[in-house]
N, C-alpha and C. Protein backbone atom coordinates (compact mmCIF):
# COMPACT_ATOMS: atom_id res chain seq x y z
N UNK A 1 10.33 17.36 -3.17
CA UNK A 1 9.54 16.44 -3.91
C UNK A 1 8.24 16.23 -3.73
N UNK A 2 7.29 16.37 -4.79
CA UNK A 2 5.77 16.22 -4.71
C UNK A 2 5.47 14.76 -4.47
N UNK A 3 4.38 14.63 -3.90
CA UNK A 3 4.04 13.27 -3.65
C UNK A 3 3.88 12.50 -4.99
N UNK A 4 3.14 13.07 -6.05
CA UNK A 4 2.72 12.50 -7.26
C UNK A 4 3.85 12.13 -7.94
N UNK A 5 5.32 12.65 -7.91
CA UNK A 5 6.43 12.23 -8.58
C UNK A 5 7.02 10.95 -8.09
N UNK A 6 6.64 10.58 -6.89
CA UNK A 6 6.85 9.31 -6.18
C UNK A 6 6.02 7.94 -6.83
N UNK A 7 5.15 8.19 -7.44
CA UNK A 7 4.11 7.20 -8.26
C UNK A 7 4.72 6.21 -8.93
N UNK A 8 5.68 6.78 -9.71
CA UNK A 8 6.43 5.85 -10.69
C UNK A 8 7.57 4.91 -10.05
N UNK A 9 7.86 5.16 -8.84
CA UNK A 9 8.90 4.33 -8.35
C UNK A 9 8.32 2.84 -8.13
N UNK A 10 9.11 1.81 -8.10
CA UNK A 10 8.72 0.54 -8.33
C UNK A 10 8.41 -0.19 -7.04
N UNK A 11 9.06 0.28 -5.98
CA UNK A 11 8.92 -0.24 -4.57
C UNK A 11 8.66 0.70 -3.45
N UNK A 12 8.05 0.31 -2.40
CA UNK A 12 7.96 1.20 -1.22
C UNK A 12 8.43 0.36 -0.19
N UNK A 13 8.70 0.88 0.88
CA UNK A 13 9.18 0.17 2.04
C UNK A 13 8.27 0.37 3.39
N UNK A 14 7.36 -0.48 3.71
CA UNK A 14 6.36 -0.33 4.69
C UNK A 14 6.82 -0.95 6.03
N UNK A 15 7.03 -0.03 6.90
CA UNK A 15 7.31 -0.43 8.28
C UNK A 15 5.78 -0.47 9.28
N UNK A 16 5.75 -1.65 9.66
CA UNK A 16 4.60 -1.72 10.78
C UNK A 16 5.35 -2.04 12.17
N UNK A 17 4.49 -2.19 13.17
CA UNK A 17 4.96 -2.55 14.57
C UNK A 17 4.51 -3.97 14.60
N UNK A 18 5.61 -4.84 14.98
CA UNK A 18 5.31 -6.39 14.97
C UNK A 18 4.23 -6.57 16.12
N UNK A 19 3.17 -7.44 15.97
CA UNK A 19 2.09 -7.52 16.79
C UNK A 19 2.50 -8.21 18.16
N UNK A 20 3.64 -9.15 18.25
CA UNK A 20 4.04 -9.68 19.33
C UNK A 20 5.28 -9.11 19.81
N UNK A 21 6.10 -8.64 19.02
CA UNK A 21 7.56 -8.22 19.63
C UNK A 21 7.29 -6.79 19.78
N UNK A 22 6.32 -5.71 19.12
CA UNK A 22 6.47 -4.45 19.28
C UNK A 22 7.62 -3.81 18.69
N UNK A 23 8.40 -4.47 17.81
CA UNK A 23 9.46 -4.13 17.08
C UNK A 23 9.15 -3.55 15.77
N UNK A 24 9.79 -2.53 15.17
CA UNK A 24 9.55 -2.37 13.70
C UNK A 24 9.91 -3.48 12.85
N UNK A 25 8.93 -3.62 11.60
CA UNK A 25 9.07 -4.59 10.79
C UNK A 25 9.02 -4.18 9.46
N UNK A 26 10.08 -3.96 8.58
CA UNK A 26 9.86 -3.46 7.18
C UNK A 26 9.81 -4.31 6.27
N UNK A 27 9.13 -4.17 5.18
CA UNK A 27 9.04 -4.76 4.14
C UNK A 27 9.19 -4.09 2.89
N UNK A 28 9.56 -4.71 1.69
CA UNK A 28 9.65 -4.10 0.22
C UNK A 28 8.49 -4.63 -0.31
N UNK A 29 7.82 -3.82 -1.12
CA UNK A 29 6.34 -4.01 -1.76
C UNK A 29 6.14 -3.37 -2.84
N UNK A 30 5.43 -3.90 -3.77
CA UNK A 30 4.90 -3.14 -4.82
C UNK A 30 3.73 -2.11 -4.28
N UNK A 31 3.47 -1.14 -5.02
CA UNK A 31 2.47 -0.20 -4.65
C UNK A 31 1.99 0.76 -5.76
N UNK A 32 0.86 1.26 -5.51
CA UNK A 32 0.36 2.26 -6.30
C UNK A 32 -0.08 3.29 -5.43
N UNK A 33 0.22 4.60 -5.98
CA UNK A 33 0.05 5.82 -5.05
C UNK A 33 -1.22 6.85 -5.68
N UNK A 34 -1.91 7.13 -5.01
CA UNK A 34 -3.05 8.02 -5.49
C UNK A 34 -3.14 9.30 -4.89
N UNK A 35 -2.71 10.29 -5.25
CA UNK A 35 -2.58 11.64 -4.54
C UNK A 35 -4.14 12.09 -4.43
N UNK A 36 -4.55 12.61 -3.29
CA UNK A 36 -5.97 13.15 -3.09
C UNK A 36 -6.08 14.35 -2.89
N UNK A 37 -5.57 15.29 -3.60
CA UNK A 37 -5.45 16.96 -3.26
C UNK A 37 -6.83 17.45 -3.18
N UNK A 38 -7.36 18.04 -2.12
CA UNK A 38 -8.42 18.91 -1.97
C UNK A 38 -8.16 20.54 -1.67
N UNK A 39 -9.16 21.25 -1.71
CA UNK A 39 -8.86 22.58 -1.22
C UNK A 39 -8.38 22.76 0.29
N UNK A 40 -8.63 21.89 1.20
CA UNK A 40 -8.45 21.98 2.39
C UNK A 40 -7.13 21.06 2.87
N UNK A 41 -7.03 20.27 2.16
CA UNK A 41 -5.98 19.35 2.46
C UNK A 41 -5.24 18.40 1.40
N UNK A 42 -4.14 18.18 1.54
CA UNK A 42 -3.30 17.42 0.79
C UNK A 42 -3.34 15.79 1.35
N UNK A 43 -3.76 14.89 0.72
CA UNK A 43 -3.54 13.49 1.29
C UNK A 43 -3.08 12.48 0.02
N UNK A 44 -2.90 11.43 0.71
CA UNK A 44 -2.64 10.44 -0.63
C UNK A 44 -2.86 9.03 0.05
N UNK A 45 -3.49 7.97 -0.83
CA UNK A 45 -3.71 6.92 -0.55
C UNK A 45 -2.69 5.78 -1.36
N UNK A 46 -2.05 5.11 -0.52
CA UNK A 46 -1.18 4.08 -1.14
C UNK A 46 -1.98 2.75 -1.18
N UNK A 47 -1.78 2.04 -2.23
CA UNK A 47 -2.47 0.71 -2.13
C UNK A 47 -1.23 -0.47 -2.28
N UNK A 48 -1.68 -1.50 -1.67
CA UNK A 48 -0.74 -2.65 -1.99
C UNK A 48 -1.56 -3.91 -2.03
N UNK A 49 -1.09 -5.08 -2.69
CA UNK A 49 -2.04 -6.17 -2.45
C UNK A 49 -1.00 -7.27 -1.67
N UNK A 50 -1.62 -7.98 -0.65
CA UNK A 50 -0.92 -9.17 -0.02
C UNK A 50 -1.36 -10.27 -0.85
N UNK A 51 -0.23 -10.99 -1.35
CA UNK A 51 -0.58 -12.30 -2.10
C UNK A 51 -0.81 -13.35 -1.26
N UNK A 52 -0.65 -13.09 0.06
CA UNK A 52 -0.73 -14.13 1.08
C UNK A 52 -1.85 -14.05 1.91
N UNK A 53 -2.68 -12.74 1.42
CA UNK A 53 -3.97 -12.56 1.88
C UNK A 53 -3.75 -12.02 3.62
N UNK A 54 -4.95 -12.54 4.48
CA UNK A 54 -4.68 -12.39 5.79
C UNK A 54 -3.61 -13.13 6.60
N UNK A 55 -3.00 -14.03 5.91
CA UNK A 55 -2.01 -14.62 6.69
C UNK A 55 -0.56 -13.92 6.73
N UNK A 56 -0.50 -12.77 5.78
CA UNK A 56 0.88 -12.13 5.83
C UNK A 56 1.01 -11.50 7.14
N UNK A 57 2.35 -11.45 7.58
CA UNK A 57 2.24 -10.90 8.92
C UNK A 57 2.32 -9.40 8.73
N UNK A 58 2.87 -8.84 7.68
CA UNK A 58 2.62 -7.23 7.62
C UNK A 58 1.17 -6.87 7.82
N UNK A 59 0.16 -7.83 7.07
CA UNK A 59 -1.08 -7.49 7.37
C UNK A 59 -1.62 -7.72 8.90
N UNK A 60 -1.24 -8.66 9.33
CA UNK A 60 -1.76 -8.98 10.75
C UNK A 60 -1.10 -7.91 11.67
N UNK A 61 -0.06 -7.43 11.30
CA UNK A 61 0.52 -6.28 12.17
C UNK A 61 -0.31 -4.82 11.92
N UNK A 62 -0.68 -4.65 10.81
CA UNK A 62 -1.67 -3.44 10.58
C UNK A 62 -2.78 -3.80 11.12
N UNK A 63 -3.43 -5.12 11.27
CA UNK A 63 -4.77 -5.29 12.11
C UNK A 63 -4.52 -4.63 13.46
N UNK A 64 -3.58 -5.21 14.01
CA UNK A 64 -3.21 -4.76 15.44
C UNK A 64 -3.04 -3.40 15.87
N UNK A 65 -2.27 -2.83 14.85
CA UNK A 65 -1.97 -1.54 15.17
C UNK A 65 -1.63 -0.74 13.73
N UNK A 66 -2.65 0.11 13.35
CA UNK A 66 -2.90 0.42 11.94
C UNK A 66 -1.76 1.59 11.72
N UNK A 67 -1.12 2.15 12.71
CA UNK A 67 -0.04 3.25 12.55
C UNK A 67 1.36 2.61 11.87
N UNK A 68 1.71 3.36 10.64
CA UNK A 68 2.94 2.80 10.15
C UNK A 68 3.59 3.85 9.57
N UNK A 69 4.73 3.49 9.03
CA UNK A 69 5.49 4.48 7.88
C UNK A 69 5.79 3.77 6.54
N UNK A 70 5.83 4.65 5.66
CA UNK A 70 6.00 4.13 4.06
C UNK A 70 7.33 5.15 3.68
N UNK A 71 8.20 4.49 3.12
CA UNK A 71 9.45 5.12 2.54
C UNK A 71 9.15 4.90 1.12
N UNK A 72 9.38 5.95 0.47
CA UNK A 72 9.44 5.86 -1.11
C UNK A 72 10.76 6.56 -1.56
N UNK A 73 11.64 6.17 -2.13
CA UNK A 73 12.57 7.05 -2.85
C UNK A 73 13.29 7.92 -1.76
N UNK A 74 13.43 7.50 -0.61
CA UNK A 74 14.12 8.20 0.42
C UNK A 74 13.25 9.16 1.12
N UNK A 75 11.93 9.34 0.73
CA UNK A 75 10.73 10.35 1.30
C UNK A 75 10.06 9.28 2.25
N UNK A 76 9.83 9.63 3.51
CA UNK A 76 9.26 8.90 4.66
C UNK A 76 8.12 9.70 4.98
N UNK A 77 6.65 8.65 5.04
CA UNK A 77 5.40 9.54 5.45
C UNK A 77 4.88 8.57 6.60
N UNK A 78 4.11 9.29 7.42
CA UNK A 78 3.51 8.44 8.56
C UNK A 78 2.01 8.10 7.63
N UNK A 79 1.17 7.01 8.22
CA UNK A 79 0.32 6.74 7.79
C UNK A 79 -0.70 5.78 8.70
N UNK A 80 -1.75 5.48 8.17
CA UNK A 80 -2.62 4.41 8.87
C UNK A 80 -3.10 3.33 7.81
N UNK A 81 -2.92 2.10 8.10
CA UNK A 81 -3.07 0.94 7.15
C UNK A 81 -4.51 0.26 7.54
N UNK A 82 -5.13 0.04 6.36
CA UNK A 82 -6.41 -0.76 6.67
C UNK A 82 -6.66 -1.62 5.55
N UNK A 83 -7.39 -2.77 5.66
CA UNK A 83 -7.81 -3.55 4.74
C UNK A 83 -8.77 -3.01 3.88
N UNK A 84 -8.82 -2.96 2.61
CA UNK A 84 -9.76 -2.57 1.86
C UNK A 84 -11.13 -3.44 1.71
N UNK A 85 -12.20 -2.67 1.85
CA UNK A 85 -13.40 -3.52 2.05
C UNK A 85 -13.76 -4.37 0.77
N UNK A 86 -13.97 -5.53 0.74
CA UNK A 86 -14.11 -6.39 -0.28
C UNK A 86 -15.19 -6.21 -1.05
N UNK A 87 -15.15 -6.14 -2.53
CA UNK A 87 -16.27 -5.87 -3.17
C UNK A 87 -16.73 -4.36 -3.51
N UNK A 88 -15.79 -3.45 -2.66
CA UNK A 88 -16.30 -2.14 -2.84
C UNK A 88 -15.59 -1.55 -3.95
N UNK A 89 -15.90 -0.38 -4.31
CA UNK A 89 -15.53 0.15 -5.63
C UNK A 89 -13.74 0.63 -5.30
N UNK A 90 -13.44 0.82 -4.16
CA UNK A 90 -12.16 1.09 -3.96
C UNK A 90 -11.19 -0.36 -4.10
N UNK A 91 -11.95 -1.43 -3.75
CA UNK A 91 -11.19 -2.74 -4.01
C UNK A 91 -10.83 -2.85 -5.38
N UNK A 92 -11.83 -2.57 -6.34
CA UNK A 92 -11.84 -2.69 -7.86
C UNK A 92 -10.73 -1.62 -8.22
N UNK A 93 -10.59 -0.46 -7.63
CA UNK A 93 -9.87 0.48 -7.99
C UNK A 93 -8.45 0.08 -7.74
N UNK A 94 -8.15 -0.33 -6.55
CA UNK A 94 -6.86 -0.74 -6.11
C UNK A 94 -6.30 -2.06 -6.96
N UNK A 95 -7.01 -2.89 -7.22
CA UNK A 95 -6.66 -4.16 -8.02
C UNK A 95 -6.22 -3.46 -9.47
N UNK A 96 -7.27 -2.91 -10.07
CA UNK A 96 -6.85 -2.27 -11.28
C UNK A 96 -5.72 -1.45 -11.31
N UNK A 97 -5.35 -0.69 -10.50
CA UNK A 97 -4.23 0.27 -10.51
C UNK A 97 -2.76 -0.57 -10.41
N UNK A 98 -2.84 -1.41 -9.47
CA UNK A 98 -1.72 -2.22 -9.24
C UNK A 98 -1.56 -3.30 -10.49
N UNK A 99 -2.66 -4.05 -11.21
CA UNK A 99 -2.47 -4.81 -12.09
C UNK A 99 -1.87 -3.90 -13.29
N UNK A 100 -2.16 -2.61 -13.55
CA UNK A 100 -1.70 -1.97 -14.77
C UNK A 100 -0.57 -1.45 -14.52
N UNK A 101 -0.01 -1.11 -13.11
CA UNK A 101 1.23 -0.57 -13.13
C UNK A 101 2.37 -1.68 -13.22
N UNK A 102 1.99 -2.93 -12.83
CA UNK A 102 2.93 -4.09 -12.62
C UNK A 102 2.96 -4.99 -13.71
N UNK A 103 1.79 -5.23 -14.56
CA UNK A 103 1.67 -6.26 -15.41
C UNK A 103 2.68 -6.14 -16.69
N UNK A 104 2.55 -4.99 -17.23
CA UNK A 104 3.48 -4.71 -18.57
C UNK A 104 5.11 -4.99 -18.17
N UNK A 105 5.54 -4.83 -17.17
CA UNK A 105 7.16 -5.19 -16.87
C UNK A 105 7.15 -6.66 -16.48
N UNK A 106 6.12 -7.47 -16.07
CA UNK A 106 6.30 -8.55 -15.49
C UNK A 106 6.19 -9.65 -16.30
N UNK A 107 7.42 -10.58 -16.37
CA UNK A 107 7.40 -11.84 -17.27
C UNK A 107 6.20 -12.77 -17.20
N UNK A 108 5.55 -12.86 -15.92
CA UNK A 108 4.63 -13.82 -15.83
C UNK A 108 3.03 -13.15 -15.94
N UNK A 109 2.14 -13.99 -15.59
CA UNK A 109 0.91 -13.37 -15.37
C UNK A 109 0.45 -13.00 -14.05
N UNK A 110 0.13 -11.83 -13.75
CA UNK A 110 -0.24 -11.41 -12.50
C UNK A 110 -1.77 -11.23 -12.26
N UNK A 111 -2.53 -11.94 -13.27
CA UNK A 111 -4.02 -11.98 -13.09
C UNK A 111 -4.64 -12.56 -11.79
N UNK A 112 -3.98 -13.65 -11.42
CA UNK A 112 -4.43 -14.29 -10.07
C UNK A 112 -3.99 -13.46 -8.84
N UNK A 113 -3.00 -12.91 -8.74
CA UNK A 113 -2.54 -11.97 -7.73
C UNK A 113 -3.55 -10.88 -7.55
N UNK A 114 -3.74 -10.12 -8.87
CA UNK A 114 -4.84 -9.14 -8.71
C UNK A 114 -6.11 -9.41 -8.45
N UNK A 115 -6.40 -10.65 -8.90
CA UNK A 115 -7.88 -10.98 -8.78
C UNK A 115 -8.08 -11.61 -7.25
N UNK A 116 -6.95 -12.39 -6.81
CA UNK A 116 -7.22 -13.02 -5.35
C UNK A 116 -6.54 -12.49 -4.25
N UNK A 117 -5.66 -11.61 -4.63
CA UNK A 117 -4.96 -11.19 -3.25
C UNK A 117 -5.81 -10.21 -2.52
N UNK A 118 -5.03 -9.65 -1.35
CA UNK A 118 -5.94 -8.81 -0.45
C UNK A 118 -5.36 -7.27 -0.60
N UNK A 119 -6.31 -6.48 -1.12
CA UNK A 119 -6.01 -5.06 -1.24
C UNK A 119 -5.84 -4.57 0.44
N UNK A 120 -4.58 -3.75 0.52
CA UNK A 120 -4.57 -2.93 1.66
C UNK A 120 -4.34 -1.62 1.30
N UNK A 121 -4.99 -0.57 1.89
CA UNK A 121 -4.57 0.82 1.92
C UNK A 121 -3.93 1.39 2.97
N UNK A 122 -2.97 2.29 2.71
CA UNK A 122 -2.29 3.14 3.71
C UNK A 122 -2.85 4.46 3.34
N UNK A 123 -3.31 5.32 4.20
CA UNK A 123 -3.78 6.82 4.25
C UNK A 123 -2.87 7.45 4.77
N UNK A 124 -1.86 8.39 3.81
CA UNK A 124 -0.73 8.64 4.17
C UNK A 124 -0.90 10.09 4.83
N UNK A 125 -0.33 10.75 5.63
CA UNK A 125 -0.50 12.15 6.18
C UNK A 125 0.77 12.85 5.39
N UNK A 126 0.50 13.86 4.61
CA UNK A 126 1.25 14.79 3.97
C UNK A 126 1.35 15.97 4.81
N UNK A 127 2.46 16.54 5.26
CA UNK A 127 2.49 17.90 6.00
C UNK A 127 3.79 18.51 5.55
């Protein structure tokens, strides 16, 4: 299955390493996937928004150890997580992509979540 085919899935499963326990910690979370194919390599960046900002355990875990795994529809990828630079072009893109993907099917408003949440990226290794 091509990575681009996974972009329409509703959830991914992010596994980080617990910062205190050292044990795997998996969460189910909304995501947006952006394939970044170049002539030399195929990469992808996965964006998520932490509604809890820096307080979220998964964000704290990624801050301590960026290495993680992401599972989407049975396909598992290794990656490195990072908080997106506030106010950057990537910040705006991540917020827009996630809002546009989830807002149409959501019964409430996602404006505050998209505006105030903390965008996090995982750069996936595709091989």
